[in-house]
Amino acid sequence: MDMPEGLCFTREHEWIRDEGGAATIGITDYAQGRLGDVVFVEMPEKGMTLRKGEVFGVIESVKAASDIFTPVSGDVIDINHTLEDHPEYVNQSPYGDGWIIKVRMSDASELNDLMDSEQYQQFVQQEESTR
């Protein structure tokens, strides 16, 4: 399972990369693996204001549909339009080409509530051991 350093993670399996006030958000390698082949990604509109913990989209795979939650509050400043024609990028490159949205964070201190890569790895191991 791939888990790059320098990202923050949620218990719902989203990742976020702080880029100095703006942040890129996607789902983790673990999440995409559990979902299976992604066939559709529903994303919010650019300019939409999101609150931490709010559903901002849905990922549909051959196995299931899953809500995507925003790890921080902010305004959507970009969406990954490439996923409209290539949702498989979420599987192939969840931390690269498979990113979903970018937000301008309204409160960067919300990042402090998230897990780092080591904490997330332990969280996933615990989750797997209870399956």
C-alpha atoms as a PDB file:
ATOM      1  CA  MET A   1       0.000   0.000   0.000  1.00  0.00           C
ATOM      2  CA  ASP A   2       1.438   3.321  -1.106  1.00  0.00           C
ATOM      3  CA  MET A   3       1.450   6.146   1.474  1.00  0.00           C
ATOM      4  CA  PRO A   4       3.570   9.166   0.559  1.00  0.00           C
ATOM      5  CA  GLU A   5       5.081  11.297   3.306  1.00  0.00           C
ATOM      6  CA  GLY A   6       3.905  14.881   3.698  1.00  0.00           C
ATOM      7  CA  LEU A   7       0.202  14.152   3.309  1.00  0.00           C
ATOM      8  CA  CYS A   8      -2.546  14.153   5.905  1.00  0.00           C
ATOM      9  CA  PHE A   9      -5.193  11.427   6.036  1.00  0.00           C
ATOM     10  CA  THR A  10      -8.761  10.998   7.287  1.00  0.00           C
ATOM     11  CA  ARG A  11     -10.541   8.049   8.883  1.00  0.00           C
ATOM     12  CA  GLU A  12     -12.753   8.006   5.761  1.00  0.00           C
ATOM     13  CA  HIS A  13      -9.629   7.373   3.623  1.00  0.00           C
ATOM     14  CA  GLU A  14      -9.165  10.749   1.964  1.00  0.00           C
ATOM     15  CA  TRP A  15      -5.753  12.383   1.679  1.00  0.00           C
ATOM     16  CA  ILE A  16      -4.872  16.065   1.567  1.00  0.00           C
ATOM     17  CA  ARG A  17      -1.689  17.835   0.513  1.00  0.00           C
ATOM     18  CA  ASP A  18      -1.191  21.343   1.947  1.00  0.00           C
ATOM     19  CA  GLU A  19       0.247  23.616  -0.713  1.00  0.00           C
ATOM     20  CA  GLY A  20       0.486  26.817   1.309  1.00  0.00           C
ATOM     21  CA  GLY A  21      -3.147  27.759   1.869  1.00  0.00           C
ATOM     22  CA  ALA A  22      -4.468  25.734  -1.038  1.00  0.00           C
ATOM     23  CA  ALA A  23      -4.792  21.981  -0.749  1.00  0.00           C
ATOM     24  CA  THR A  24      -5.219  19.033  -3.102  1.00  0.00           C
ATOM     25  CA  ILE A  25      -7.594  16.248  -2.022  1.00  0.00           C
ATOM     26  CA  GLY A  26      -8.123  12.685  -3.220  1.00  0.00           C
ATOM     27  CA  ILE A  27      -8.767   9.179  -1.924  1.00  0.00           C
ATOM     28  CA  THR A  28      -6.015   6.943  -0.619  1.00  0.00           C
ATOM     29  CA  ASP A  29      -4.401   3.980  -2.310  1.00  0.00           C
ATOM     30  CA  TYR A  30      -6.064   1.787   0.328  1.00  0.00           C
ATOM     31  CA  ALA A  31      -9.501   3.219  -0.507  1.00  0.00           C
ATOM     32  CA  GLN A  32      -9.144   2.775  -4.252  1.00  0.00           C
ATOM     33  CA  GLY A  33      -7.984  -0.806  -3.706  1.00  0.00           C
ATOM     34  CA  ARG A  34     -11.033  -1.594  -1.560  1.00  0.00           C
ATOM     35  CA  LEU A  35     -13.373   0.009  -4.112  1.00  0.00           C
ATOM     36  CA  GLY A  36     -12.028  -1.831  -7.143  1.00  0.00           C
ATOM     37  CA  ASP A  37     -12.156  -0.402 -10.652  1.00  0.00           C
ATOM     38  CA  VAL A  38     -13.431   3.185 -10.491  1.00  0.00           C
ATOM     39  CA  VAL A  39     -15.918   3.955 -13.276  1.00  0.00           C
ATOM     40  CA  PHE A  40     -17.232   7.411 -12.311  1.00  0.00           C
ATOM     41  CA  VAL A  41     -16.294  10.328 -10.055  1.00  0.00           C
ATOM     42  CA  GLU A  42     -18.916  12.927  -9.107  1.00  0.00           C
ATOM     43  CA  MET A  43     -17.242  16.196  -8.113  1.00  0.00           C
ATOM     44  CA  PRO A  44     -18.476  19.531  -6.777  1.00  0.00           C
ATOM     45  CA  GLU A  45     -18.527  22.687  -8.860  1.00  0.00           C
ATOM     46  CA  LYS A  46     -15.669  25.127  -8.805  1.00  0.00           C
ATOM     47  CA  GLY A  47     -16.446  27.976  -6.393  1.00  0.00           C
ATOM     48  CA  MET A  48     -18.509  25.825  -4.035  1.00  0.00           C
ATOM     49  CA  THR A  49     -17.841  26.325  -0.308  1.00  0.00           C
ATOM     50  CA  LEU A  50     -17.272  23.124   1.670  1.00  0.00           C
ATOM     51  CA  ARG A  51     -17.257  22.522   5.414  1.00  0.00           C
ATOM     52  CA  LYS A  52     -14.968  19.997   7.075  1.00  0.00           C
ATOM     53  CA  GLY A  53     -16.596  16.555   7.194  1.00  0.00           C
ATOM     54  CA  GLU A  54     -19.139  17.359   4.481  1.00  0.00           C
ATOM     55  CA  VAL A  55     -19.730  15.032   1.518  1.00  0.00           C
ATOM     56  CA  PHE A  56     -18.361  16.701  -1.611  1.00  0.00           C
ATOM     57  CA  GLY A  57     -18.664  13.909  -4.145  1.00  0.00           C
ATOM     58  CA  VAL A  58     -19.167  10.246  -4.896  1.00  0.00           C
ATOM     59  CA  ILE A  59     -16.873   7.621  -6.366  1.00  0.00           C
ATOM     60  CA  GLU A  60     -18.556   4.757  -8.178  1.00  0.00           C
ATOM     61  CA  SER A  61     -16.744   1.518  -8.857  1.00  0.00           C
ATOM     62  CA  VAL A  62     -17.686  -1.863 -10.214  1.00  0.00           C
ATOM     63  CA  LYS A  63     -18.221  -2.934  -6.573  1.00  0.00           C
ATOM     64  CA  ALA A  64     -19.877   0.030  -4.861  1.00  0.00           C
ATOM     65  CA  ALA A  65     -20.515   3.760  -4.619  1.00  0.00           C
ATOM     66  CA  SER A  66     -18.759   5.664  -1.860  1.00  0.00           C
ATOM     67  CA  ASP A  67     -19.144   9.217  -0.558  1.00  0.00           C
ATOM     68  CA  ILE A  68     -16.071  11.459  -0.491  1.00  0.00           C
ATOM     69  CA  PHE A  69     -15.710  13.748   2.529  1.00  0.00           C
ATOM     70  CA  THR A  70     -13.786  17.000   2.702  1.00  0.00           C
ATOM     71  CA  PRO A  71     -10.997  16.920   5.306  1.00  0.00           C
ATOM     72  CA  VAL A  72     -10.955  20.725   5.721  1.00  0.00           C
ATOM     73  CA  SER A  73     -13.248  23.686   5.163  1.00  0.00           C
ATOM     74  CA  GLY A  74     -12.728  25.925   2.148  1.00  0.00           C
ATOM     75  CA  ASP A  75     -13.690  26.974  -1.346  1.00  0.00           C
ATOM     76  CA  VAL A  76     -13.256  24.656  -4.326  1.00  0.00           C
ATOM     77  CA  ILE A  77     -10.704  26.349  -6.611  1.00  0.00           C
ATOM     78  CA  ASP A  78     -10.171  23.509  -9.089  1.00  0.00           C
ATOM     79  CA  ILE A  79     -11.565  20.103 -10.000  1.00  0.00           C
ATOM     80  CA  ASN A  80      -9.821  17.338 -11.910  1.00  0.00           C
ATOM     81  CA  HIS A  81     -11.793  17.397 -15.173  1.00  0.00           C
ATOM     82  CA  THR A  82      -9.568  14.608 -16.516  1.00  0.00           C
ATOM     83  CA  LEU A  83     -11.448  12.159 -14.274  1.00  0.00           C
ATOM     84  CA  GLU A  84     -14.627  12.742 -16.302  1.00  0.00           C
ATOM     85  CA  ASP A  85     -13.095  10.755 -19.187  1.00  0.00           C
ATOM     86  CA  HIS A  86     -10.501   8.793 -17.192  1.00  0.00           C
ATOM     87  CA  PRO A  87     -11.896   7.809 -13.770  1.00  0.00           C
ATOM     88  CA  GLU A  88      -9.388   4.934 -13.773  1.00  0.00           C
ATOM     89  CA  TYR A  89      -6.685   7.461 -12.835  1.00  0.00           C
ATOM     90  CA  VAL A  90      -8.026   7.215  -9.269  1.00  0.00           C
ATOM     91  CA  ASN A  91      -6.903   3.558  -9.319  1.00  0.00           C
ATOM     92  CA  GLN A  92      -3.711   4.040 -11.303  1.00  0.00           C
ATOM     93  CA  SER A  93      -2.366   7.133  -9.534  1.00  0.00           C
ATOM     94  CA  PRO A  94      -4.423   8.069  -6.450  1.00  0.00           C
ATOM     95  CA  TYR A  95      -1.814  10.583  -5.212  1.00  0.00           C
ATOM     96  CA  GLY A  96      -0.956  11.943  -8.670  1.00  0.00           C
ATOM     97  CA  ASP A  97      -3.217  12.071 -11.726  1.00  0.00           C
ATOM     98  CA  GLY A  98      -6.127  10.743  -9.643  1.00  0.00           C
ATOM     99  CA  TRP A  99      -6.479  13.808  -7.401  1.00  0.00           C
ATOM    100  CA  ILE A 100     -10.086  15.003  -7.181  1.00  0.00           C
ATOM    101  CA  ILE A 101     -10.326  18.634  -6.046  1.00  0.00           C
ATOM    102  CA  LYS A 102      -8.273  21.588  -4.857  1.00  0.00           C
ATOM    103  CA  VAL A 103      -9.558  23.896  -2.133  1.00  0.00           C
ATOM    104  CA  ARG A 104      -8.483  27.212  -0.674  1.00  0.00           C
ATOM    105  CA  MET A 105      -8.527  26.347   3.012  1.00  0.00           C
ATOM    106  CA  SER A 106     -10.428  28.704   5.270  1.00  0.00           C
ATOM    107  CA  ASP A 107      -8.772  27.318   8.428  1.00  0.00           C
ATOM    108  CA  ALA A 108      -5.450  25.509   7.958  1.00  0.00           C
ATOM    109  CA  SER A 109      -5.458  24.537  11.654  1.00  0.00           C
ATOM    110  CA  GLU A 110      -8.056  21.874  10.723  1.00  0.00           C
ATOM    111  CA  LEU A 111      -5.119  19.906   9.308  1.00  0.00           C
ATOM    112  CA  ASN A 112      -4.032  19.294  12.926  1.00  0.00           C
ATOM    113  CA  ASP A 113      -7.040  16.983  13.394  1.00  0.00           C
ATOM    114  CA  LEU A 114      -5.847  14.626  10.645  1.00  0.00           C
ATOM    115  CA  MET A 115      -3.413  11.690  10.660  1.00  0.00           C
ATOM    116  CA  ASP A 116       0.111  11.686   9.239  1.00  0.00           C
ATOM    117  CA  SER A 117       1.245   8.742   7.089  1.00  0.00           C
ATOM    118  CA  GLU A 118       2.496   6.683  10.053  1.00  0.00           C
ATOM    119  CA  GLN A 119      -0.728   7.181  12.023  1.00  0.00           C
ATOM    120  CA  TYR A 120      -2.808   6.387   8.941  1.00  0.00           C
ATOM    121  CA  GLN A 121      -0.853   3.193   8.300  1.00  0.00           C
ATOM    122  CA  GLN A 122      -1.539   2.073  11.892  1.00  0.00           C
ATOM    123  CA  PHE A 123      -5.222   3.006  11.463  1.00  0.00           C
ATOM    124  CA  VAL A 124      -5.487   0.881   8.302  1.00  0.00           C
ATOM    125  CA  GLN A 125      -3.744  -2.052   9.978  1.00  0.00           C
ATOM    126  CA  GLN A 126      -6.216  -1.873  12.883  1.00  0.00           C
ATOM    127  CA  GLU A 127      -9.134  -1.633  10.462  1.00  0.00           C
ATOM    128  CA  GLU A 128      -7.883  -4.677   8.534  1.00  0.00           C
ATOM    129  CA  SER A 129      -7.379  -6.706  11.697  1.00  0.00           C
ATOM    130  CA  THR A 130     -11.045  -6.215  12.663  1.00  0.00           C
ATOM    131  CA  ARG A 131     -12.361  -7.398   9.291  1.00  0.00           C
END
